[in-house]
N, C-alpha and C. Protein backbone atom coordinates (compact mmCIF):
# COMPACT_ATOMS: atom_id res chain seq x y z
N MET A 1 -19.50 -3.19 12.88
CA MET A 1 -19.08 -2.11 12.03
C MET A 1 -18.03 -2.64 11.06
N GLU A 2 -17.87 -1.91 9.96
CA GLU A 2 -16.87 -2.31 8.97
C GLU A 2 -16.10 -1.09 8.49
N ILE A 3 -14.88 -1.35 8.04
CA ILE A 3 -14.03 -0.31 7.49
C ILE A 3 -13.14 -0.96 6.43
N GLN A 4 -12.77 -0.18 5.42
CA GLN A 4 -11.86 -0.67 4.39
C GLN A 4 -10.65 0.23 4.36
N GLY A 5 -9.49 -0.37 4.18
CA GLY A 5 -8.27 0.41 4.10
C GLY A 5 -7.07 -0.47 3.87
N LYS A 6 -5.90 0.17 3.98
CA LYS A 6 -4.63 -0.51 3.75
C LYS A 6 -3.93 -0.73 5.09
N ILE A 7 -3.42 -1.94 5.29
CA ILE A 7 -2.67 -2.25 6.51
C ILE A 7 -1.32 -1.54 6.42
N ILE A 8 -1.05 -0.62 7.37
CA ILE A 8 0.20 0.13 7.34
C ILE A 8 1.19 -0.30 8.42
N SER A 9 0.72 -1.10 9.38
CA SER A 9 1.63 -1.55 10.43
C SER A 9 1.09 -2.82 11.08
N ALA A 10 2.01 -3.71 11.44
CA ALA A 10 1.68 -4.92 12.20
C ALA A 10 2.57 -4.92 13.43
N LEU A 11 1.98 -4.82 14.60
CA LEU A 11 2.74 -4.82 15.84
C LEU A 11 3.14 -6.24 16.21
N PRO A 12 4.12 -6.40 17.09
CA PRO A 12 4.55 -7.75 17.46
C PRO A 12 3.42 -8.56 18.11
N GLU A 13 3.43 -9.84 17.83
CA GLU A 13 2.44 -10.76 18.39
C GLU A 13 2.69 -10.89 19.89
N ARG A 14 1.61 -10.96 20.66
CA ARG A 14 1.71 -11.18 22.11
C ARG A 14 1.00 -12.48 22.44
N SER A 15 1.48 -13.15 23.48
CA SER A 15 0.83 -14.39 23.90
C SER A 15 0.95 -14.51 25.41
N GLY A 16 0.14 -15.39 25.97
CA GLY A 16 0.17 -15.61 27.40
C GLY A 16 -0.68 -16.81 27.77
N THR A 17 -0.87 -16.96 29.06
CA THR A 17 -1.68 -18.06 29.58
C THR A 17 -2.79 -17.48 30.44
N SER A 18 -4.01 -17.94 30.20
CA SER A 18 -5.16 -17.47 30.96
C SER A 18 -5.05 -17.95 32.41
N GLN A 19 -5.21 -17.03 33.36
CA GLN A 19 -5.16 -17.40 34.78
C GLN A 19 -6.37 -18.25 35.16
N ARG A 20 -7.48 -17.99 34.51
CA ARG A 20 -8.71 -18.68 34.86
C ARG A 20 -8.75 -20.11 34.32
N THR A 21 -8.40 -20.28 33.03
CA THR A 21 -8.53 -21.61 32.43
C THR A 21 -7.21 -22.33 32.20
N GLY A 22 -6.11 -21.58 32.21
CA GLY A 22 -4.81 -22.19 31.95
C GLY A 22 -4.50 -22.36 30.48
N ASN A 23 -5.41 -21.94 29.60
CA ASN A 23 -5.19 -22.04 28.15
C ASN A 23 -4.27 -20.92 27.68
N THR A 24 -3.52 -21.21 26.63
CA THR A 24 -2.66 -20.17 26.06
C THR A 24 -3.47 -19.35 25.05
N TRP A 25 -3.07 -18.08 24.88
CA TRP A 25 -3.75 -17.20 23.94
C TRP A 25 -2.72 -16.40 23.14
N LYS A 26 -3.15 -15.92 21.95
CA LYS A 26 -2.32 -15.06 21.11
C LYS A 26 -3.15 -13.87 20.67
N LEU A 27 -2.46 -12.73 20.55
CA LEU A 27 -3.10 -11.49 20.16
C LEU A 27 -2.11 -10.69 19.33
N GLN A 28 -2.58 -10.06 18.27
CA GLN A 28 -1.72 -9.18 17.49
C GLN A 28 -2.51 -7.95 17.09
N GLU A 29 -1.85 -6.79 17.15
CA GLU A 29 -2.48 -5.54 16.77
C GLU A 29 -1.96 -5.09 15.41
N PHE A 30 -2.85 -4.45 14.65
CA PHE A 30 -2.54 -3.93 13.33
C PHE A 30 -3.07 -2.51 13.24
N VAL A 31 -2.55 -1.74 12.27
CA VAL A 31 -3.04 -0.40 12.02
C VAL A 31 -3.48 -0.34 10.56
N VAL A 32 -4.70 0.15 10.34
CA VAL A 32 -5.25 0.30 8.99
C VAL A 32 -5.44 1.80 8.74
N GLU A 33 -5.24 2.20 7.47
CA GLU A 33 -5.45 3.58 7.06
C GLU A 33 -6.48 3.60 5.95
N THR A 34 -7.50 4.47 6.09
CA THR A 34 -8.55 4.57 5.09
C THR A 34 -8.08 5.41 3.91
N HIS A 35 -8.88 5.43 2.87
CA HIS A 35 -8.57 6.21 1.67
C HIS A 35 -9.52 7.38 1.51
N ASP A 36 -10.05 7.89 2.62
CA ASP A 36 -10.95 9.03 2.59
C ASP A 36 -10.20 10.28 2.14
N GLN A 37 -10.95 11.35 1.90
CA GLN A 37 -10.32 12.62 1.54
C GLN A 37 -9.34 13.02 2.65
N TYR A 38 -9.73 12.80 3.89
CA TYR A 38 -8.84 13.00 5.04
C TYR A 38 -8.65 11.63 5.67
N PRO A 39 -7.60 10.89 5.27
CA PRO A 39 -7.42 9.51 5.74
C PRO A 39 -7.37 9.41 7.27
N LYS A 40 -7.97 8.35 7.75
CA LYS A 40 -7.98 8.06 9.19
C LYS A 40 -7.22 6.77 9.43
N LYS A 41 -6.61 6.68 10.60
CA LYS A 41 -5.92 5.46 11.00
C LYS A 41 -6.66 4.86 12.18
N MET A 42 -6.69 3.52 12.22
CA MET A 42 -7.34 2.83 13.32
C MET A 42 -6.49 1.63 13.72
N ALA A 43 -6.18 1.52 14.99
CA ALA A 43 -5.49 0.35 15.51
C ALA A 43 -6.57 -0.65 15.94
N PHE A 44 -6.38 -1.92 15.56
CA PHE A 44 -7.32 -2.96 15.95
C PHE A 44 -6.54 -4.21 16.30
N GLU A 45 -7.20 -5.10 17.03
CA GLU A 45 -6.54 -6.34 17.43
C GLU A 45 -7.28 -7.55 16.90
N VAL A 46 -6.50 -8.59 16.68
CA VAL A 46 -7.05 -9.89 16.30
C VAL A 46 -6.66 -10.84 17.42
N PHE A 47 -7.66 -11.48 18.03
CA PHE A 47 -7.43 -12.36 19.17
C PHE A 47 -7.62 -13.81 18.74
N GLY A 48 -6.64 -14.63 19.02
CA GLY A 48 -6.73 -16.07 18.74
C GLY A 48 -5.79 -16.50 17.64
N GLU A 49 -5.04 -17.55 17.92
CA GLU A 49 -4.08 -18.08 16.94
C GLU A 49 -4.78 -18.53 15.66
N ASP A 50 -5.97 -19.15 15.80
CA ASP A 50 -6.70 -19.61 14.61
C ASP A 50 -7.10 -18.45 13.71
N ARG A 51 -7.56 -17.35 14.28
CA ARG A 51 -7.92 -16.18 13.46
C ARG A 51 -6.69 -15.53 12.83
N LEU A 52 -5.60 -15.45 13.57
CA LEU A 52 -4.38 -14.87 13.02
C LEU A 52 -3.92 -15.66 11.79
N GLN A 53 -3.99 -16.98 11.87
CA GLN A 53 -3.59 -17.81 10.73
C GLN A 53 -4.59 -17.70 9.59
N ARG A 54 -5.88 -17.70 9.90
CA ARG A 54 -6.92 -17.64 8.87
C ARG A 54 -6.91 -16.31 8.13
N PHE A 55 -6.77 -15.19 8.87
CA PHE A 55 -6.79 -13.87 8.24
C PHE A 55 -5.49 -13.59 7.48
N ASN A 56 -4.35 -14.09 8.00
CA ASN A 56 -3.04 -13.92 7.36
C ASN A 56 -2.83 -12.47 6.89
N ILE A 57 -2.93 -11.53 7.79
CA ILE A 57 -2.86 -10.10 7.48
C ILE A 57 -1.41 -9.71 7.20
N GLN A 58 -1.20 -9.00 6.08
CA GLN A 58 0.14 -8.56 5.67
C GLN A 58 0.16 -7.04 5.53
N VAL A 59 1.28 -6.42 5.90
CA VAL A 59 1.45 -4.98 5.71
C VAL A 59 1.39 -4.68 4.22
N GLY A 60 0.65 -3.63 3.85
CA GLY A 60 0.48 -3.24 2.46
C GLY A 60 -0.77 -3.82 1.83
N GLN A 61 -1.43 -4.73 2.51
CA GLN A 61 -2.61 -5.41 1.98
C GLN A 61 -3.84 -4.51 2.13
N GLU A 62 -4.69 -4.51 1.10
CA GLU A 62 -5.97 -3.79 1.13
C GLU A 62 -7.02 -4.75 1.67
N VAL A 63 -7.72 -4.35 2.76
CA VAL A 63 -8.63 -5.26 3.44
C VAL A 63 -9.95 -4.60 3.83
N ASN A 64 -10.97 -5.42 4.00
CA ASN A 64 -12.22 -5.05 4.65
C ASN A 64 -12.17 -5.65 6.04
N ILE A 65 -12.45 -4.85 7.06
CA ILE A 65 -12.37 -5.32 8.45
C ILE A 65 -13.73 -5.17 9.10
N ALA A 66 -14.26 -6.25 9.66
CA ALA A 66 -15.48 -6.22 10.45
C ALA A 66 -15.04 -6.29 11.91
N PHE A 67 -15.52 -5.35 12.74
CA PHE A 67 -15.01 -5.26 14.10
C PHE A 67 -16.09 -4.83 15.09
N ASP A 68 -15.81 -5.08 16.36
CA ASP A 68 -16.64 -4.63 17.47
C ASP A 68 -15.83 -3.68 18.33
N ILE A 69 -16.50 -2.71 18.92
CA ILE A 69 -15.85 -1.77 19.84
C ILE A 69 -16.43 -2.00 21.22
N ASP A 70 -15.55 -2.05 22.22
CA ASP A 70 -15.97 -2.19 23.60
C ASP A 70 -15.01 -1.37 24.46
N ALA A 71 -15.41 -1.08 25.67
CA ALA A 71 -14.55 -0.33 26.59
C ALA A 71 -14.52 -1.05 27.93
N HIS A 72 -13.42 -0.91 28.63
CA HIS A 72 -13.31 -1.48 29.96
C HIS A 72 -12.62 -0.47 30.89
N GLU A 73 -12.91 -0.61 32.18
CA GLU A 73 -12.38 0.30 33.19
C GLU A 73 -11.23 -0.37 33.93
N TYR A 74 -10.17 0.39 34.17
CA TYR A 74 -9.04 -0.11 34.93
C TYR A 74 -8.49 1.04 35.76
N ASN A 75 -8.51 0.88 37.09
CA ASN A 75 -8.03 1.90 38.02
C ASN A 75 -8.65 3.27 37.76
N GLY A 76 -9.96 3.29 37.53
CA GLY A 76 -10.67 4.55 37.35
C GLY A 76 -10.56 5.17 35.97
N ARG A 77 -9.87 4.54 35.06
CA ARG A 77 -9.74 5.05 33.69
C ARG A 77 -10.41 4.08 32.73
N TRP A 78 -10.90 4.60 31.62
CA TRP A 78 -11.57 3.79 30.62
C TRP A 78 -10.71 3.65 29.39
N PHE A 79 -10.71 2.45 28.80
CA PHE A 79 -9.90 2.13 27.63
C PHE A 79 -10.79 1.46 26.58
N ASN A 80 -10.64 1.89 25.32
CA ASN A 80 -11.38 1.28 24.22
C ASN A 80 -10.65 0.05 23.71
N SER A 81 -11.41 -0.89 23.21
CA SER A 81 -10.87 -2.09 22.58
C SER A 81 -11.59 -2.28 21.25
N ILE A 82 -10.82 -2.32 20.16
CA ILE A 82 -11.38 -2.55 18.83
C ILE A 82 -10.89 -3.92 18.38
N ARG A 83 -11.80 -4.89 18.37
CA ARG A 83 -11.42 -6.27 18.07
C ARG A 83 -12.06 -6.72 16.75
N ALA A 84 -11.22 -7.14 15.81
CA ALA A 84 -11.70 -7.61 14.51
C ALA A 84 -12.18 -9.05 14.63
N TYR A 85 -13.34 -9.32 14.04
CA TYR A 85 -13.82 -10.69 14.00
C TYR A 85 -13.82 -11.25 12.58
N ASP A 86 -13.55 -10.39 11.59
CA ASP A 86 -13.42 -10.86 10.21
C ASP A 86 -12.56 -9.87 9.44
N VAL A 87 -11.56 -10.38 8.74
CA VAL A 87 -10.68 -9.56 7.91
C VAL A 87 -10.58 -10.26 6.56
N ARG A 88 -10.98 -9.54 5.50
CA ARG A 88 -10.95 -10.13 4.16
C ARG A 88 -10.20 -9.22 3.20
N PRO A 89 -9.35 -9.80 2.36
CA PRO A 89 -8.65 -8.98 1.37
C PRO A 89 -9.62 -8.44 0.33
N VAL A 90 -9.33 -7.25 -0.17
CA VAL A 90 -10.13 -6.63 -1.22
C VAL A 90 -9.55 -7.08 -2.55
N ASP A 91 -10.37 -7.66 -3.40
CA ASP A 91 -9.92 -8.15 -4.70
C ASP A 91 -10.53 -7.34 -5.82
N GLY A 92 -9.69 -6.63 -6.56
CA GLY A 92 -10.13 -5.94 -7.76
C GLY A 92 -11.05 -4.76 -7.54
N GLN A 93 -11.17 -4.27 -6.31
CA GLN A 93 -12.02 -3.12 -6.06
C GLN A 93 -11.17 -1.86 -6.10
N PRO A 94 -11.75 -0.72 -6.47
CA PRO A 94 -10.99 0.52 -6.44
C PRO A 94 -10.60 0.86 -5.01
N GLN A 95 -9.52 1.57 -4.85
CA GLN A 95 -9.03 1.90 -3.51
C GLN A 95 -9.79 3.10 -2.98
N ALA A 96 -11.05 2.88 -2.65
CA ALA A 96 -11.88 3.91 -2.05
C ALA A 96 -12.41 3.36 -0.74
N ALA A 97 -12.52 4.21 0.23
CA ALA A 97 -13.00 3.76 1.54
C ALA A 97 -14.47 3.41 1.45
N VAL A 98 -14.80 2.26 1.99
CA VAL A 98 -16.19 1.83 2.05
C VAL A 98 -16.51 1.64 3.51
N ASN A 99 -17.46 2.44 4.01
CA ASN A 99 -17.87 2.33 5.39
C ASN A 99 -19.31 1.86 5.39
N ALA A 100 -19.53 0.62 5.79
CA ALA A 100 -20.87 0.05 5.75
C ALA A 100 -21.81 0.75 6.72
N ASN A 101 -21.27 1.37 7.76
CA ASN A 101 -22.10 2.06 8.74
C ASN A 101 -22.04 3.55 8.44
N THR A 102 -22.90 4.04 7.56
CA THR A 102 -22.87 5.43 7.14
C THR A 102 -23.35 6.38 8.22
N ASP A 103 -23.94 5.88 9.30
CA ASP A 103 -24.35 6.75 10.39
C ASP A 103 -23.14 7.39 11.06
N ASP A 104 -21.98 6.74 11.01
CA ASP A 104 -20.79 7.26 11.66
C ASP A 104 -20.01 8.22 10.77
N ALA A 105 -20.35 8.29 9.50
CA ALA A 105 -19.61 9.14 8.58
C ALA A 105 -19.93 10.60 8.85
N MET A 106 -18.91 11.45 8.72
CA MET A 106 -19.12 12.87 8.90
C MET A 106 -19.81 13.42 7.67
N PRO A 107 -20.85 14.25 7.85
CA PRO A 107 -21.54 14.80 6.69
C PRO A 107 -20.67 15.83 5.99
N MET A 108 -20.80 15.89 4.68
CA MET A 108 -20.09 16.89 3.91
C MET A 108 -20.83 18.21 4.03
N PRO A 109 -20.11 19.34 4.10
CA PRO A 109 -20.80 20.63 4.18
C PRO A 109 -21.58 20.89 2.90
N GLU A 110 -22.75 21.46 3.06
CA GLU A 110 -23.59 21.73 1.91
C GLU A 110 -23.27 23.10 1.35
N ALA A 111 -23.57 23.29 0.08
CA ALA A 111 -23.39 24.59 -0.55
C ALA A 111 -24.40 25.57 0.05
N PRO A 112 -24.04 26.85 0.14
CA PRO A 112 -24.98 27.82 0.71
C PRO A 112 -26.25 27.89 -0.12
N ILE A 113 -27.36 28.09 0.55
CA ILE A 113 -28.64 28.18 -0.12
C ILE A 113 -28.82 29.61 -0.61
N VAL A 114 -29.12 29.77 -1.88
CA VAL A 114 -29.33 31.09 -2.47
C VAL A 114 -30.80 31.24 -2.77
N ASP A 115 -31.39 32.32 -2.26
CA ASP A 115 -32.80 32.59 -2.51
C ASP A 115 -32.95 33.08 -3.93
N SER A 116 -33.69 32.36 -4.76
CA SER A 116 -33.82 32.70 -6.17
C SER A 116 -34.69 33.93 -6.39
N ALA A 117 -35.39 34.42 -5.36
CA ALA A 117 -36.23 35.61 -5.50
C ALA A 117 -35.40 36.89 -5.52
N GLU A 118 -34.20 36.86 -5.01
CA GLU A 118 -33.34 38.05 -4.98
C GLU A 118 -32.53 38.12 -6.27
N PRO A 119 -32.21 39.34 -6.75
CA PRO A 119 -31.41 39.46 -7.96
C PRO A 119 -29.99 38.96 -7.72
N ALA A 120 -29.35 38.54 -8.78
CA ALA A 120 -28.02 37.97 -8.69
C ALA A 120 -26.96 39.02 -8.41
N GLY A 121 -27.27 40.31 -8.56
CA GLY A 121 -26.32 41.37 -8.21
C GLY A 121 -25.45 41.80 -9.36
N ASP A 122 -25.80 41.49 -10.60
CA ASP A 122 -24.97 41.88 -11.71
C ASP A 122 -25.59 43.01 -12.52
N SER A 123 -26.62 43.68 -11.98
CA SER A 123 -27.21 44.81 -12.71
C SER A 123 -26.64 46.12 -12.19
N ALA A 124 -26.73 47.16 -12.98
CA ALA A 124 -26.19 48.48 -12.61
C ALA A 124 -26.93 49.08 -11.45
N GLU A 125 -28.17 48.65 -11.16
CA GLU A 125 -28.94 49.20 -10.04
C GLU A 125 -28.35 48.82 -8.70
N ASP A 126 -27.59 47.75 -8.62
CA ASP A 126 -27.03 47.28 -7.35
C ASP A 126 -25.73 47.96 -6.97
N LEU A 127 -25.16 48.83 -7.83
CA LEU A 127 -23.89 49.48 -7.54
C LEU A 127 -24.07 50.54 -6.45
N PRO A 128 -23.15 50.64 -5.49
CA PRO A 128 -23.30 51.58 -4.39
C PRO A 128 -22.98 53.04 -4.77
N PHE A 129 -22.52 53.39 -5.97
CA PHE A 129 -22.19 54.76 -6.34
C PHE A 129 -22.99 55.27 -7.50
């Protein structure tokens, strides 16, 4: 999935050591806000020191984010994980939200359907008195 928006927050970087392999890891979370009529915010994470350096995400930057969503269970509760695998700055594009996956977009309400066979109601015959 993809989303476009402005980075409004960068949380502190976290790091640790894998118990299984002994390798060190780095993770940082960011918050992006879309430019929709009703803006949405999404927190996402970037995993890996190499990706953090390559993406070089800055607060205030307009970006396109490609991400995966997954969930995991812990002590009987479920938690979502939104992990970015590609973050690219937007260059020279208008600040409009671009959602490549339009299946997830909320449909706009349609105008009421008016039956053209009925009169428009502006004649004197339609008055109740």
